[in-house]
PDB file of all heavy atoms in Angstrom:
ATOM      1  N   GLN A   1      28.553 -13.298  52.302  1.00  0.00           N
ATOM      2  CA  GLN A   1      29.713 -13.224  51.409  1.00  0.00           C
ATOM      3  C   GLN A   1      29.761 -14.463  50.523  1.00  0.00           C
ATOM      4  O   GLN A   1      29.689 -15.591  50.984  1.00  0.00           O
ATOM      5  CB  GLN A   1      30.991 -13.123  52.227  1.00  0.00           C
ATOM      6  CG  GLN A   1      32.262 -13.219  51.405  1.00  0.00           C
ATOM      7  CD  GLN A   1      32.528 -11.955  50.643  1.00  0.00           C
ATOM      8  OE1 GLN A   1      32.108 -10.901  51.063  1.00  0.00           O
ATOM      9  NE2 GLN A   1      33.205 -12.054  49.532  1.00  0.00           N
ATOM     10  N   LEU A   2      29.877 -14.253  49.229  1.00  0.00           N
ATOM     11  CA  LEU A   2      29.960 -15.354  48.287  1.00  0.00           C
ATOM     12  C   LEU A   2      31.406 -15.616  47.936  1.00  0.00           C
ATOM     13  O   LEU A   2      32.098 -14.730  47.449  1.00  0.00           O
ATOM     14  CB  LEU A   2      29.153 -15.021  47.025  1.00  0.00           C
ATOM     15  CG  LEU A   2      29.208 -16.051  45.901  1.00  0.00           C
ATOM     16  CD1 LEU A   2      28.630 -17.381  46.396  1.00  0.00           C
ATOM     17  CD2 LEU A   2      28.438 -15.562  44.687  1.00  0.00           C
ATOM     18  N   GLU A   3      31.866 -16.825  48.171  1.00  0.00           N
ATOM     19  CA  GLU A   3      33.249 -17.178  47.873  1.00  0.00           C
ATOM     20  C   GLU A   3      33.277 -17.926  46.551  1.00  0.00           C
ATOM     21  O   GLU A   3      32.466 -18.802  46.288  1.00  0.00           O
ATOM     22  CB  GLU A   3      33.818 -18.060  48.983  1.00  0.00           C
ATOM     23  CG  GLU A   3      35.289 -18.373  48.772  1.00  0.00           C
ATOM     24  CD  GLU A   3      35.828 -19.192  49.921  1.00  0.00           C
ATOM     25  OE1 GLU A   3      35.050 -19.913  50.555  1.00  0.00           O
ATOM     26  OE2 GLU A   3      37.032 -19.123  50.172  1.00  0.00           O
ATOM     27  N   MET A   4      34.216 -17.577  45.682  1.00  0.00           N
ATOM     28  CA  MET A   4      34.341 -18.256  44.408  1.00  0.00           C
ATOM     29  C   MET A   4      35.788 -18.188  43.968  1.00  0.00           C
ATOM     30  O   MET A   4      36.524 -17.286  44.367  1.00  0.00           O
ATOM     31  CB  MET A   4      33.431 -17.623  43.350  1.00  0.00           C
ATOM     32  CG  MET A   4      33.746 -16.177  43.044  1.00  0.00           C
ATOM     33  SD  MET A   4      32.603 -15.465  41.866  1.00  0.00           S
ATOM     34  CE  MET A   4      32.987 -16.426  40.411  1.00  0.00           C
ATOM     35  N   PRO A   5      36.241 -19.126  43.140  1.00  0.00           N
ATOM     36  CA  PRO A   5      37.620 -19.066  42.671  1.00  0.00           C
ATOM     37  C   PRO A   5      37.855 -17.854  41.803  1.00  0.00           C
ATOM     38  O   PRO A   5      36.951 -17.360  41.127  1.00  0.00           O
ATOM     39  CB  PRO A   5      37.771 -20.367  41.874  1.00  0.00           C
ATOM     40  CG  PRO A   5      36.384 -20.765  41.513  1.00  0.00           C
ATOM     41  CD  PRO A   5      35.515 -20.276  42.629  1.00  0.00           C
ATOM     42  N   VAL A   6      39.098 -17.350  41.807  1.00  0.00           N
ATOM     43  CA  VAL A   6      39.415 -16.152  41.038  1.00  0.00           C
ATOM     44  C   VAL A   6      39.232 -16.405  39.551  1.00  0.00           C
ATOM     45  O   VAL A   6      38.601 -15.644  38.844  1.00  0.00           O
ATOM     46  CB  VAL A   6      40.859 -15.697  41.339  1.00  0.00           C
ATOM     47  CG1 VAL A   6      41.255 -14.539  40.441  1.00  0.00           C
ATOM     48  CG2 VAL A   6      40.984 -15.309  42.800  1.00  0.00           C
ATOM     49  N   GLY A   7      39.794 -17.512  39.036  1.00  0.00           N
ATOM     50  CA  GLY A   7      39.605 -17.855  37.644  1.00  0.00           C
ATOM     51  C   GLY A   7      40.026 -16.741  36.709  1.00  0.00           C
ATOM     52  O   GLY A   7      40.929 -15.966  36.981  1.00  0.00           O
ATOM     53  N   ASP A   8      39.358 -16.669  35.569  1.00  0.00           N
ATOM     54  CA  ASP A   8      39.675 -15.656  34.577  1.00  0.00           C
ATOM     55  C   ASP A   8      39.232 -14.288  35.043  1.00  0.00           C
ATOM     56  O   ASP A   8      38.249 -14.138  35.766  1.00  0.00           O
ATOM     57  CB  ASP A   8      38.999 -15.998  33.244  1.00  0.00           C
ATOM     58  CG  ASP A   8      39.524 -17.300  32.650  1.00  0.00           C
ATOM     59  OD1 ASP A   8      40.693 -17.625  32.933  1.00  0.00           O
ATOM     60  OD2 ASP A   8      38.765 -17.965  31.929  1.00  0.00           O
ATOM     61  N   ARG A   9      39.947 -13.272  34.575  1.00  0.00           N
ATOM     62  CA  ARG A   9      39.594 -11.898  34.895  1.00  0.00           C
ATOM     63  C   ARG A   9      38.285 -11.506  34.207  1.00  0.00           C
ATOM     64  O   ARG A   9      38.003 -11.942  33.094  1.00  0.00           O
ATOM     65  CB  ARG A   9      40.695 -10.955  34.416  1.00  0.00           C
ATOM     66  CG  ARG A   9      42.037 -11.187  35.073  1.00  0.00           C
ATOM     67  CD  ARG A   9      42.062 -10.615  36.459  1.00  0.00           C
ATOM     68  NE  ARG A   9      43.363 -10.712  37.052  1.00  0.00           N
ATOM     69  CZ  ARG A   9      43.595 -10.538  38.339  1.00  0.00           C
ATOM     70  NH1 ARG A   9      42.616 -10.259  39.162  1.00  0.00           N
ATOM     71  NH2 ARG A   9      44.815 -10.649  38.822  1.00  0.00           N
ATOM     72  N   ILE A  10      37.515 -10.692  34.872  1.00  0.00           N
ATOM     73  CA  ILE A  10      36.346 -10.073  34.256  1.00  0.00           C
ATOM     74  C   ILE A  10      36.665  -8.599  34.087  1.00  0.00           C
ATOM     75  O   ILE A  10      37.010  -7.920  35.055  1.00  0.00           O
ATOM     76  CB  ILE A  10      35.082 -10.260  35.118  1.00  0.00           C
ATOM     77  CG1 ILE A  10      34.680 -11.731  35.171  1.00  0.00           C
ATOM     78  CG2 ILE A  10      33.933  -9.432  34.562  1.00  0.00           C
ATOM     79  CD1 ILE A  10      33.433 -11.998  35.990  1.00  0.00           C
ATOM     80  N   GLU A  11      36.551  -8.097  32.872  1.00  0.00           N
ATOM     81  CA  GLU A  11      36.834  -6.696  32.583  1.00  0.00           C
ATOM     82  C   GLU A  11      35.600  -6.047  31.977  1.00  0.00           C
ATOM     83  O   GLU A  11      34.926  -6.629  31.128  1.00  0.00           O
ATOM     84  CB  GLU A  11      38.011  -6.565  31.618  1.00  0.00           C
ATOM     85  CG  GLU A  11      39.319  -7.118  32.169  1.00  0.00           C
ATOM     86  CD  GLU A  11      40.467  -7.001  31.181  1.00  0.00           C
ATOM     87  OE1 GLU A  11      40.203  -6.864  29.960  1.00  0.00           O
ATOM     88  OE2 GLU A  11      41.635  -7.056  31.628  1.00  0.00           O
ATOM     89  N   ILE A  12      35.293  -4.836  32.442  1.00  0.00           N
ATOM     90  CA  ILE A  12      34.175  -4.066  31.910  1.00  0.00           C
ATOM     91  C   ILE A  12      34.754  -2.890  31.136  1.00  0.00           C
ATOM     92  O   ILE A  12      35.410  -2.016  31.707  1.00  0.00           O
ATOM     93  CB  ILE A  12      33.264  -3.551  33.048  1.00  0.00           C
ATOM     94  CG1 ILE A  12      32.878  -4.688  34.000  1.00  0.00           C
ATOM     95  CG2 ILE A  12      32.009  -2.892  32.478  1.00  0.00           C
ATOM     96  CD1 ILE A  12      32.232  -4.219  35.284  1.00  0.00           C
ATOM     97  N   LYS A  13      34.541  -2.882  29.846  1.00  0.00           N
ATOM     98  CA  LYS A  13      35.122  -1.841  28.996  1.00  0.00           C
ATOM     99  C   LYS A  13      34.138  -0.683  28.822  1.00  0.00           C
ATOM    100  O   LYS A  13      32.998  -0.880  28.418  1.00  0.00           O
ATOM    101  CB  LYS A  13      35.499  -2.424  27.637  1.00  0.00           C
ATOM    102  CG  LYS A  13      36.594  -3.474  27.708  1.00  0.00           C
ATOM    103  CD  LYS A  13      36.958  -4.022  26.341  1.00  0.00           C
ATOM    104  CE  LYS A  13      38.058  -5.069  26.452  1.00  0.00           C
ATOM    105  NZ  LYS A  13      38.420  -5.648  25.137  1.00  0.00           N
ATOM    106  N   THR A  14      34.593   0.530  29.148  1.00  0.00           N
ATOM    107  CA  THR A  14      33.802   1.727  28.927  1.00  0.00           C
ATOM    108  C   THR A  14      34.630   2.689  28.075  1.00  0.00           C
ATOM    109  O   THR A  14      35.769   2.398  27.718  1.00  0.00           O
ATOM    110  CB  THR A  14      33.422   2.396  30.263  1.00  0.00           C
ATOM    111  OG1 THR A  14      34.599   2.974  30.858  1.00  0.00           O
ATOM    112  CG2 THR A  14      32.816   1.387  31.236  1.00  0.00           C
ATOM    113  N   ARG A  15      34.058   3.826  27.749  1.00  0.00           N
ATOM    114  CA  ARG A  15      34.760   4.775  26.893  1.00  0.00           C
ATOM    115  C   ARG A  15      36.000   5.369  27.573  1.00  0.00           C
ATOM    116  O   ARG A  15      36.999   5.666  26.926  1.00  0.00           O
ATOM    117  CB  ARG A  15      33.826   5.910  26.495  1.00  0.00           C
ATOM    118  CG  ARG A  15      32.748   5.526  25.512  1.00  0.00           C
ATOM    119  CD  ARG A  15      33.261   5.498  24.089  1.00  0.00           C
ATOM    120  NE  ARG A  15      32.163   5.335  23.145  1.00  0.00           N
ATOM    121  CZ  ARG A  15      32.003   4.288  22.367  1.00  0.00           C
ATOM    122  NH1 ARG A  15      32.873   3.288  22.416  1.00  0.00           N
ATOM    123  NH2 ARG A  15      30.994   4.209  21.541  1.00  0.00           N
ATOM    124  N   LYS A  16      35.966   5.526  28.899  1.00  0.00           N
ATOM    125  CA  LYS A  16      37.037   6.234  29.592  1.00  0.00           C
ATOM    126  C   LYS A  16      37.977   5.334  30.371  1.00  0.00           C
ATOM    127  O   LYS A  16      39.117   5.703  30.630  1.00  0.00           O
ATOM    128  CB  LYS A  16      36.448   7.303  30.538  1.00  0.00           C
ATOM    129  CG  LYS A  16      35.834   8.482  29.818  1.00  0.00           C
ATOM    130  CD  LYS A  16      35.190   9.472  30.780  1.00  0.00           C
ATOM    131  CE  LYS A  16      36.191  10.227  31.622  1.00  0.00           C
ATOM    132  NZ  LYS A  16      35.551  11.280  32.434  1.00  0.00           N
ATOM    133  N   LYS A  17      37.506   4.151  30.776  1.00  0.00           N
ATOM    134  CA  LYS A  17      38.362   3.327  31.627  1.00  0.00           C
ATOM    135  C   LYS A  17      37.931   1.873  31.566  1.00  0.00           C
ATOM    136  O   LYS A  17      36.811   1.551  31.142  1.00  0.00           O
ATOM    137  CB  LYS A  17      38.340   3.841  33.065  1.00  0.00           C
ATOM    138  CG  LYS A  17      36.980   3.696  33.750  1.00  0.00           C
ATOM    139  CD  LYS A  17      36.875   4.482  35.036  1.00  0.00           C
ATOM    140  CE  LYS A  17      37.899   4.117  36.065  1.00  0.00           C
ATOM    141  NZ  LYS A  17      37.696   4.832  37.337  1.00  0.00           N
ATOM    142  N   LEU A  18      38.841   1.027  31.988  1.00  0.00           N
ATOM    143  CA  LEU A  18      38.578  -0.397  32.123  1.00  0.00           C
ATOM    144  C   LEU A  18      38.301  -0.671  33.603  1.00  0.00           C
ATOM    145  O   LEU A  18      39.102  -0.318  34.464  1.00  0.00           O
ATOM    146  CB  LEU A  18      39.792  -1.193  31.655  1.00  0.00           C
ATOM    147  CG  LEU A  18      39.623  -2.697  31.456  1.00  0.00           C
ATOM    148  CD1 LEU A  18      38.712  -2.976  30.264  1.00  0.00           C
ATOM    149  CD2 LEU A  18      40.982  -3.348  31.224  1.00  0.00           C
ATOM    150  N   VAL A  19      37.170  -1.290  33.883  1.00  0.00           N
ATOM    151  CA  VAL A  19      36.763  -1.543  35.267  1.00  0.00           C
ATOM    152  C   VAL A  19      36.842  -3.036  35.537  1.00  0.00           C
ATOM    153  O   VAL A  19      36.380  -3.845  34.737  1.00  0.00           O
ATOM    154  CB  VAL A  19      35.328  -1.031  35.507  1.00  0.00           C
ATOM    155  CG1 VAL A  19      34.918  -1.264  36.961  1.00  0.00           C
ATOM    156  CG2 VAL A  19      35.212   0.448  35.150  1.00  0.00           C
ATOM    157  N   GLU A  20      37.432  -3.399  36.679  1.00  0.00           N
ATOM    158  CA  GLU A  20      37.546  -4.799  37.069  1.00  0.00           C
ATOM    159  C   GLU A  20      37.045  -4.971  38.504  1.00  0.00           C
ATOM    160  O   GLU A  20      37.328  -4.145  39.372  1.00  0.00           O
ATOM    161  CB  GLU A  20      39.001  -5.256  36.985  1.00  0.00           C
ATOM    162  CG  GLU A  20      39.592  -5.191  35.581  1.00  0.00           C
ATOM    163  CD  GLU A  20      41.070  -5.537  35.573  1.00  0.00           C
ATOM    164  OE1 GLU A  20      41.391  -6.736  35.729  1.00  0.00           O
ATOM    165  OE2 GLU A  20      41.902  -4.622  35.426  1.00  0.00           O
ATOM    166  N   PRO A  21      36.304  -6.039  38.770  1.00  0.00           N
ATOM    167  CA  PRO A  21      35.867  -6.315  40.150  1.00  0.00           C
ATOM    168  C   PRO A  21      37.060  -6.478  41.075  1.00  0.00           C
ATOM    169  O   PRO A  21      38.111  -6.976  40.670  1.00  0.00           O
ATOM    170  CB  PRO A  21      35.087  -7.625  40.014  1.00  0.00           C
ATOM    171  CG  PRO A  21      34.732  -7.723  38.573  1.00  0.00           C
ATOM    172  CD  PRO A  21      35.821  -7.044  37.820  1.00  0.00           C
ATOM    173  N   ARG A  22      36.888  -6.062  42.329  1.00  0.00           N
ATOM    174  CA  ARG A  22      37.990  -6.090  43.280  1.00  0.00           C
ATOM    175  C   ARG A  22      37.800  -7.113  44.396  1.00  0.00           C
ATOM    176  O   ARG A  22      38.688  -7.300  45.224  1.00  0.00           O
ATOM    177  CB  ARG A  22      38.183  -4.692  43.886  1.00  0.00           C
ATOM    178  CG  ARG A  22      38.779  -3.716  42.882  1.00  0.00           C
ATOM    179  CD  ARG A  22      38.674  -2.265  43.323  1.00  0.00           C
ATOM    180  NE  ARG A  22      39.365  -1.982  44.560  1.00  0.00           N
ATOM    181  CZ  ARG A  22      39.428  -0.750  45.097  1.00  0.00           C
ATOM    182  NH1 ARG A  22      38.863   0.273  44.469  1.00  0.00           N
ATOM    183  NH2 ARG A  22      40.052  -0.557  46.225  1.00  0.00           N
ATOM    184  N   THR A  23      36.647  -7.766  44.443  1.00  0.00           N
ATOM    185  CA  THR A  23      36.423  -8.829  45.426  1.00  0.00           C
ATOM    186  C   THR A  23      35.689  -9.968  44.731  1.00  0.00           C
ATOM    187  O   THR A  23      35.123  -9.811  43.648  1.00  0.00           O
ATOM    188  CB  THR A  23      35.589  -8.361  46.635  1.00  0.00           C
ATOM    189  OG1 THR A  23      34.222  -8.161  46.206  1.00  0.00           O
ATOM    190  CG2 THR A  23      36.111  -7.067  47.219  1.00  0.00           C
ATOM    191  N   ALA A  24      35.669 -11.129  45.368  1.00  0.00           N
ATOM    192  CA  ALA A  24      34.968 -12.278  44.795  1.00  0.00           C
ATOM    193  C   ALA A  24      33.476 -11.997  44.652  1.00  0.00           C
ATOM    194  O   ALA A  24      32.848 -12.386  43.671  1.00  0.00           O
ATOM    195  CB  ALA A  24      35.200 -13.517  45.660  1.00  0.00           C
ATOM    196  N   ALA A  25      32.895 -11.316  45.650  1.00  0.00           N
ATOM    197  CA  ALA A  25      31.466 -10.995  45.578  1.00  0.00           C
ATOM    198  C   ALA A  25      31.190 -10.026  44.431  1.00  0.00           C
ATOM    199  O   ALA A  25      30.172 -10.139  43.742  1.00  0.00           O
ATOM    200  CB  ALA A  25      30.991 -10.405  46.903  1.00  0.00           C
ATOM    201  N   GLN A  26      32.072  -9.053  44.223  1.00  0.00           N
ATOM    202  CA  GLN A  26      31.911  -8.135  43.098  1.00  0.00           C
ATOM    203  C   GLN A  26      31.987  -8.888  41.773  1.00  0.00           C
ATOM    204  O   GLN A  26      31.236  -8.608  40.837  1.00  0.00           O
ATOM    205  CB  GLN A  26      32.983  -7.044  43.132  1.00  0.00           C
ATOM    206  CG  GLN A  26      32.726  -5.949  44.153  1.00  0.00           C
ATOM    207  CD  GLN A  26      33.652  -4.759  43.937  1.00  0.00           C
ATOM    208  OE1 GLN A  26      34.581  -4.796  43.132  1.00  0.00           O
ATOM    209  NE2 GLN A  26      33.409  -3.696  44.668  1.00  0.00           N
ATOM    210  N   LYS A  27      32.907  -9.839  41.691  1.00  0.00           N
ATOM    211  CA  LYS A  27      33.062 -10.615  40.461  1.00  0.00           C
ATOM    212  C   LYS A  27      31.789 -11.414  40.170  1.00  0.00           C
ATOM    213  O   LYS A  27      31.310 -11.457  39.022  1.00  0.00           O
ATOM    214  CB  LYS A  27      34.268 -11.540  40.575  1.00  0.00           C
ATOM    215  CG  LYS A  27      34.511 -12.364  39.328  1.00  0.00           C
ATOM    216  CD  LYS A  27      35.746 -13.235  39.471  1.00  0.00           C
ATOM    217  CE  LYS A  27      35.941 -14.096  38.224  1.00  0.00           C
ATOM    218  NZ  LYS A  27      37.122 -14.961  38.325  1.00  0.00           N
ATOM    219  N   ALA A  28      31.239 -12.062  41.190  1.00  0.00           N
ATOM    220  CA  ALA A  28      30.003 -12.829  41.017  1.00  0.00           C
ATOM    221  C   ALA A  28      28.857 -11.914  40.601  1.00  0.00           C
ATOM    222  O   ALA A  28      28.016 -12.283  39.759  1.00  0.00           O
ATOM    223  CB  ALA A  28      29.662 -13.562  42.313  1.00  0.00           C
ATOM    224  N   TYR A  29      28.817 -10.726  41.178  1.00  0.00           N
ATOM    225  CA  TYR A  29      27.772  -9.742  40.862  1.00  0.00           C
ATOM    226  C   TYR A  29      27.863  -9.311  39.400  1.00  0.00           C
ATOM    227  O   TYR A  29      26.855  -9.321  38.674  1.00  0.00           O
ATOM    228  CB  TYR A  29      27.959  -8.556  41.799  1.00  0.00           C
ATOM    229  CG  TYR A  29      27.066  -7.352  41.570  1.00  0.00           C
ATOM    230  CD1 TYR A  29      25.680  -7.460  41.564  1.00  0.00           C
ATOM    231  CD2 TYR A  29      27.626  -6.080  41.414  1.00  0.00           C
ATOM    232  CE1 TYR A  29      24.871  -6.349  41.397  1.00  0.00           C
ATOM    233  CE2 TYR A  29      26.827  -4.957  41.253  1.00  0.00           C
ATOM    234  CZ  TYR A  29      25.464  -5.088  41.248  1.00  0.00           C
ATOM    235  OH  TYR A  29      24.670  -3.986  41.086  1.00  0.00           O
ATOM    236  N   VAL A  30      29.057  -8.950  38.937  1.00  0.00           N
ATOM    237  CA  VAL A  30      29.238  -8.519  37.551  1.00  0.00           C
ATOM    238  C   VAL A  30      28.865  -9.646  36.598  1.00  0.00           C
ATOM    239  O   VAL A  30      28.196  -9.426  35.580  1.00  0.00           O
ATOM    240  CB  VAL A  30      30.683  -8.043  37.305  1.00  0.00           C
ATOM    241  CG1 VAL A  30      30.937  -7.824  35.819  1.00  0.00           C
ATOM    242  CG2 VAL A  30      30.944  -6.763  38.079  1.00  0.00           C
TER     243      VAL A  30
END
């Protein structure tokens, strides 16, 4: 598990929806 500060939001914009990571590891991955 990778721990990192929340910091600024990361948003992934697609045609149908806005996707945001839901865990710190997901955020680091994106």
